[in-house]
C-alpha atoms as a PDB file:
ATOM      1  CA  UNK A   1      83.083  84.281 117.421  1.00  0.00           C
ATOM      2  CA  UNK A   2      82.609  83.594 113.577  1.00  0.00           C
ATOM      3  CA  UNK A   3      84.765  81.445 111.433  1.00  0.00           C
ATOM      4  CA  UNK A   4      87.548  83.296 109.405  1.00  0.00           C
ATOM      5  CA  UNK A   5      86.737  84.171 105.885  1.00  0.00           C
ATOM      6  CA  UNK A   6      88.265  82.233 103.075  1.00  0.00           C
ATOM      7  CA  UNK A   7      91.614  83.652 101.327  1.00  0.00           C
ATOM      8  CA  UNK A   8      89.216  84.421  98.440  1.00  0.00           C
ATOM      9  CA  UNK A   9      88.097  87.395 100.521  1.00  0.00           C
ATOM     10  CA  UNK A  10      91.568  89.122  99.899  1.00  0.00           C
ATOM     11  CA  UNK A  11      92.100  90.372  96.222  1.00  0.00           C
ATOM     12  CA  UNK A  12      94.851  88.569  94.431  1.00  0.00           C
ATOM     13  CA  UNK A  13      98.188  89.976  94.760  1.00  0.00           C
ATOM     14  CA  UNK A  14      99.390  92.419  92.040  1.00  0.00           C
ATOM     15  CA  UNK A  15     102.794  90.621  91.948  1.00  0.00           C
ATOM     16  CA  UNK A  16     102.406  86.733  92.425  1.00  0.00           C
ATOM     17  CA  UNK A  17     104.221  85.395  95.675  1.00  0.00           C
ATOM     18  CA  UNK A  18     104.142  88.801  97.429  1.00  0.00           C
ATOM     19  CA  UNK A  19     101.575  91.128  98.992  1.00  0.00           C
ATOM     20  CA  UNK A  20     101.442  94.863 100.085  1.00  0.00           C
ATOM     21  CA  UNK A  21      98.955  95.935 102.780  1.00  0.00           C
ATOM     22  CA  UNK A  22      98.742  99.511 103.959  1.00  0.00           C
ATOM     23  CA  UNK A  23      97.024 100.691 106.997  1.00  0.00           C
ATOM     24  CA  UNK A  24      95.290 104.226 106.782  1.00  0.00           C
ATOM     25  CA  UNK A  25      93.728 106.412 109.526  1.00  0.00           C
ATOM     26  CA  UNK A  26      93.450 110.067 109.966  1.00  0.00           C
ATOM     27  CA  UNK A  27      96.805 111.299 111.422  1.00  0.00           C
ATOM     28  CA  UNK A  28      99.175 108.122 111.132  1.00  0.00           C
ATOM     29  CA  UNK A  29     100.165 108.441 114.864  1.00  0.00           C
ATOM     30  CA  UNK A  30      97.827 106.077 116.664  1.00  0.00           C
ATOM     31  CA  UNK A  31      95.539 103.526 114.913  1.00  0.00           C
ATOM     32  CA  UNK A  32      97.232 102.832 111.575  1.00  0.00           C
ATOM     33  CA  UNK A  33     100.692 102.732 113.045  1.00  0.00           C
ATOM     34  CA  UNK A  34      99.641 100.514 115.843  1.00  0.00           C
ATOM     35  CA  UNK A  35      97.893  97.954 113.208  1.00  0.00           C
ATOM     36  CA  UNK A  36     101.223  98.223 111.053  1.00  0.00           C
ATOM     37  CA  UNK A  37     103.460  97.045 114.053  1.00  0.00           C
ATOM     38  CA  UNK A  38     101.134  94.457 115.119  1.00  0.00           C
ATOM     39  CA  UNK A  39     100.740  92.887 111.736  1.00  0.00           C
ATOM     40  CA  UNK A  40     104.334  93.161 110.838  1.00  0.00           C
ATOM     41  CA  UNK A  41     105.135  91.139 114.145  1.00  0.00           C
ATOM     42  CA  UNK A  42     102.418  88.605 113.374  1.00  0.00           C
ATOM     43  CA  UNK A  43     103.846  88.213 109.836  1.00  0.00           C
ATOM     44  CA  UNK A  44     107.417  87.668 111.459  1.00  0.00           C
ATOM     45  CA  UNK A  45     105.840  85.144 113.621  1.00  0.00           C
ATOM     46  CA  UNK A  46     104.244  83.398 110.727  1.00  0.00           C
ATOM     47  CA  UNK A  47     107.428  83.395 108.543  1.00  0.00           C
ATOM     48  CA  UNK A  48     105.431  85.668 106.035  1.00  0.00           C
ATOM     49  CA  UNK A  49     107.485  88.702 106.589  1.00  0.00           C
ATOM     50  CA  UNK A  50     109.679  88.018 103.574  1.00  0.00           C
ATOM     51  CA  UNK A  51     106.443  88.141 101.119  1.00  0.00           C
ATOM     52  CA  UNK A  52     104.242  90.624 102.889  1.00  0.00           C
ATOM     53  CA  UNK A  53     105.099  94.394 103.112  1.00  0.00           C
ATOM     54  CA  UNK A  54     103.207  96.652 105.606  1.00  0.00           C
ATOM     55  CA  UNK A  55     103.116 100.298 105.430  1.00  0.00           C
ATOM     56  CA  UNK A  56     100.780 102.811 107.140  1.00  0.00           C
ATOM     57  CA  UNK A  57      99.798 106.397 106.588  1.00  0.00           C
ATOM     58  CA  UNK A  58      97.177 109.130 107.490  1.00  0.00           C
ATOM     59  CA  UNK A  59      94.825 110.840 105.284  1.00  0.00           C
ATOM     60  CA  UNK A  60      95.936 114.196 106.857  1.00  0.00           C
ATOM     61  CA  UNK A  61      99.448 115.538 106.862  1.00  0.00           C
ATOM     62  CA  UNK A  62      99.837 117.663 109.944  1.00  0.00           C
ATOM     63  CA  UNK A  63     101.667 114.789 111.769  1.00  0.00           C
ATOM     64  CA  UNK A  64     104.022 113.934 108.821  1.00  0.00           C
ATOM     65  CA  UNK A  65     107.619 112.874 110.052  1.00  0.00           C
ATOM     66  CA  UNK A  66     106.530 112.682 113.723  1.00  0.00           C
ATOM     67  CA  UNK A  67     106.818 109.327 115.763  1.00  0.00           C
ATOM     68  CA  UNK A  68     103.804 107.357 116.935  1.00  0.00           C
ATOM     69  CA  UNK A  69     101.785 109.042 119.759  1.00  0.00           C
ATOM     70  CA  UNK A  70     103.314 108.387 123.067  1.00  0.00           C
ATOM     71  CA  UNK A  71     100.440 106.695 124.381  1.00  0.00           C
ATOM     72  CA  UNK A  72     100.204 104.441 121.422  1.00  0.00           C
ATOM     73  CA  UNK A  73     103.805 103.521 121.472  1.00  0.00           C
ATOM     74  CA  UNK A  74     103.685 102.912 125.396  1.00  0.00           C
ATOM     75  CA  UNK A  75     100.622 100.365 124.767  1.00  0.00           C
ATOM     76  CA  UNK A  76     102.656  98.396 122.300  1.00  0.00           C
ATOM     77  CA  UNK A  77     105.822  98.433 124.101  1.00  0.00           C
ATOM     78  CA  UNK A  78     104.021  97.083 127.380  1.00  0.00           C
ATOM     79  CA  UNK A  79     102.606  94.341 125.157  1.00  0.00           C
ATOM     80  CA  UNK A  80     106.149  93.537 123.674  1.00  0.00           C
ATOM     81  CA  UNK A  81     106.026  95.376 120.297  1.00  0.00           C
ATOM     82  CA  UNK A  82     108.703  97.749 118.979  1.00  0.00           C
ATOM     83  CA  UNK A  83     107.127 100.871 117.840  1.00  0.00           C
ATOM     84  CA  UNK A  84     110.231 103.028 117.771  1.00  0.00           C
ATOM     85  CA  UNK A  85     110.851 102.976 114.080  1.00  0.00           C
ATOM     86  CA  UNK A  86     107.478 104.674 113.041  1.00  0.00           C
ATOM     87  CA  UNK A  87     107.386 107.946 111.438  1.00  0.00           C
ATOM     88  CA  UNK A  88     104.021 109.401 110.292  1.00  0.00           C
ATOM     89  CA  UNK A  89     103.400 109.467 106.604  1.00  0.00           C
ATOM     90  CA  UNK A  90     100.478 111.159 104.571  1.00  0.00           C
ATOM     91  CA  UNK A  91      98.482 108.679 102.238  1.00  0.00           C
ATOM     92  CA  UNK A  92      99.034 109.329  98.395  1.00  0.00           C
ATOM     93  CA  UNK A  93      96.586 108.182  95.841  1.00  0.00           C
ATOM     94  CA  UNK A  94      99.349 106.351  94.097  1.00  0.00           C
ATOM     95  CA  UNK A  95      98.945 103.838  96.957  1.00  0.00           C
ATOM     96  CA  UNK A  96      95.590 102.392  95.298  1.00  0.00           C
ATOM     97  CA  UNK A  97      97.846 101.406  92.218  1.00  0.00           C
ATOM     98  CA  UNK A  98     100.594  99.894  94.183  1.00  0.00           C
ATOM     99  CA  UNK A  99      98.978  98.054  97.076  1.00  0.00           C
ATOM    100  CA  UNK A 100      97.186  94.731  97.107  1.00  0.00           C
ATOM    101  CA  UNK A 101      95.075  95.857 100.183  1.00  0.00           C
ATOM    102  CA  UNK A 102      94.214  99.192 101.944  1.00  0.00           C
ATOM    103  CA  UNK A 103      92.693  98.961 105.302  1.00  0.00           C
ATOM    104  CA  UNK A 104      90.935 101.950 106.590  1.00  0.00           C
ATOM    105  CA  UNK A 105      90.594 102.242 110.576  1.00  0.00           C
ATOM    106  CA  UNK A 106      87.134 103.829 110.195  1.00  0.00           C
ATOM    107  CA  UNK A 107      84.225 104.826 107.728  1.00  0.00           C
ATOM    108  CA  UNK A 108      85.429 108.373 107.263  1.00  0.00           C
ATOM    109  CA  UNK A 109      89.074 107.022 106.412  1.00  0.00           C
ATOM    110  CA  UNK A 110      87.372 104.453 104.023  1.00  0.00           C
ATOM    111  CA  UNK A 111      85.510 107.533 102.348  1.00  0.00           C
ATOM    112  CA  UNK A 112      88.655 109.466 102.022  1.00  0.00           C
ATOM    113  CA  UNK A 113      90.043 106.512 100.155  1.00  0.00           C
ATOM    114  CA  UNK A 114      87.249 106.483  97.825  1.00  0.00           C
ATOM    115  CA  UNK A 115      85.077 104.111  99.596  1.00  0.00           C
ATOM    116  CA  UNK A 116      84.897 100.265  99.708  1.00  0.00           C
ATOM    117  CA  UNK A 117      86.202  98.120  97.087  1.00  0.00           C
ATOM    118  CA  UNK A 118      87.913  94.833  96.653  1.00  0.00           C
ATOM    119  CA  UNK A 119      91.350  96.417  97.442  1.00  0.00           C
ATOM    120  CA  UNK A 120      89.900  99.071  99.931  1.00  0.00           C
ATOM    121  CA  UNK A 121      88.304  97.769 103.077  1.00  0.00           C
ATOM    122  CA  UNK A 122      87.868  98.354 106.945  1.00  0.00           C
ATOM    123  CA  UNK A 123      90.297  96.508 108.896  1.00  0.00           C
ATOM    124  CA  UNK A 124      87.328  95.537 111.213  1.00  0.00           C
ATOM    125  CA  UNK A 125      86.058  93.280 108.652  1.00  0.00           C
ATOM    126  CA  UNK A 126      88.901  90.973 109.732  1.00  0.00           C
ATOM    127  CA  UNK A 127      87.859  91.174 113.397  1.00  0.00           C
ATOM    128  CA  UNK A 128      86.436  87.702 114.222  1.00  0.00           C
ATOM    129  CA  UNK A 129      84.755  89.378 117.312  1.00  0.00           C
ATOM    130  CA  UNK A 130      83.230  92.382 115.724  1.00  0.00           C
ATOM    131  CA  UNK A 131      83.121  91.987 111.919  1.00  0.00           C
ATOM    132  CA  UNK A 132      82.935  95.192 109.951  1.00  0.00           C
ATOM    133  CA  UNK A 133      83.534  97.337 113.458  1.00  0.00           C
ATOM    134  CA  UNK A 134      85.417 100.584 113.130  1.00  0.00           C
ATOM    135  CA  UNK A 135      88.601 100.888 114.986  1.00  0.00           C
ATOM    136  CA  UNK A 136      87.796 103.886 117.363  1.00  0.00           C
ATOM    137  CA  UNK A 137      90.294 106.756 117.452  1.00  0.00           C
ATOM    138  CA  UNK A 138      91.740 106.733 120.836  1.00  0.00           C
ATOM    139  CA  UNK A 139      93.327 110.174 120.461  1.00  0.00           C
ATOM    140  CA  UNK A 140      91.051 112.328 122.551  1.00  0.00           C
ATOM    141  CA  UNK A 141      90.185 109.495 125.216  1.00  0.00           C
ATOM    142  CA  UNK A 142      91.877 107.893 128.078  1.00  0.00           C
ATOM    143  CA  UNK A 143      94.598 105.192 127.929  1.00  0.00           C
ATOM    144  CA  UNK A 144      92.199 102.371 127.752  1.00  0.00           C
ATOM    145  CA  UNK A 145      91.463 103.385 124.234  1.00  0.00           C
ATOM    146  CA  UNK A 146      94.727 102.528 123.197  1.00  0.00           C
ATOM    147  CA  UNK A 147      94.595  99.030 124.893  1.00  0.00           C
ATOM    148  CA  UNK A 148      91.273  98.525 123.084  1.00  0.00           C
ATOM    149  CA  UNK A 149      92.828  99.594 119.558  1.00  0.00           C
ATOM    150  CA  UNK A 150      95.674  97.175 120.089  1.00  0.00           C
ATOM    151  CA  UNK A 151      93.363  94.224 121.128  1.00  0.00           C
ATOM    152  CA  UNK A 152      91.285  94.741 118.047  1.00  0.00           C
ATOM    153  CA  UNK A 153      94.009  95.085 115.616  1.00  0.00           C
ATOM    154  CA  UNK A 154      95.816  92.183 117.049  1.00  0.00           C
ATOM    155  CA  UNK A 155      92.517  89.978 116.346  1.00  0.00           C
ATOM    156  CA  UNK A 156      92.277  91.302 112.900  1.00  0.00           C
ATOM    157  CA  UNK A 157      96.061  90.848 112.231  1.00  0.00           C
ATOM    158  CA  UNK A 158      95.880  87.105 113.358  1.00  0.00           C
ATOM    159  CA  UNK A 159      92.929  86.533 110.808  1.00  0.00           C
ATOM    160  CA  UNK A 160      94.817  88.365 108.167  1.00  0.00           C
ATOM    161  CA  UNK A 161      97.980  86.236 108.715  1.00  0.00           C
ATOM    162  CA  UNK A 162      95.727  83.132 107.987  1.00  0.00           C
ATOM    163  CA  UNK A 163      94.112  84.760 104.925  1.00  0.00           C
ATOM    164  CA  UNK A 164      97.516  85.961 103.695  1.00  0.00           C
ATOM    165  CA  UNK A 165      99.106  82.502 104.147  1.00  0.00           C
ATOM    166  CA  UNK A 166      96.114  80.825 102.202  1.00  0.00           C
ATOM    167  CA  UNK A 167      96.451  83.387  99.473  1.00  0.00           C
ATOM    168  CA  UNK A 168     100.227  83.194  98.918  1.00  0.00           C
ATOM    169  CA  UNK A 169     100.647  79.354  99.756  1.00  0.00           C
ATOM    170  CA  UNK A 170      97.320  78.026  98.511  1.00  0.00           C
ATOM    171  CA  UNK A 171      98.537  74.388  98.705  1.00  0.00           C
ATOM    172  CA  UNK A 172     100.085  74.772 102.014  1.00  0.00           C
ATOM    173  CA  UNK A 173      97.292  73.182 103.876  1.00  0.00           C
ATOM    174  CA  UNK A 174      96.836  70.175 101.449  1.00  0.00           C
END
């Protein structure tokens, strides 16, 4: 396991004291909503939910308005998360101007967002067990793929919470 990155790896918030994170995958019914739900839960547990907003979307629009894939929702539910509120949305280029950090699930999603930059990254960059790894799309695979996605996004979410706390409260550990 590698050490967590420092808060400087996150871009500065556009609005001091708050942060907006967007998770992006292809259809917004599996990976990005799972990451959204997991990060939101971790932020609640850390007491940061009043300062960090999380949203998710897909680069394609064919699932807009639909709930999360049943297998993704079941995996989250079994692990103690609530996936019931999710409805798929389509990514809009305006998110680049209003989000502090956009996290793509894979390199194809990253390319759809215009490529890597300080504000556009792979979620896997924050996975301490597999830095830079893609979050594989479980849609056409078996149920174990959804468990793997949950585990990967949990690891990344844990590190993101540490970095967000440091970014929003730079004096908290002094």
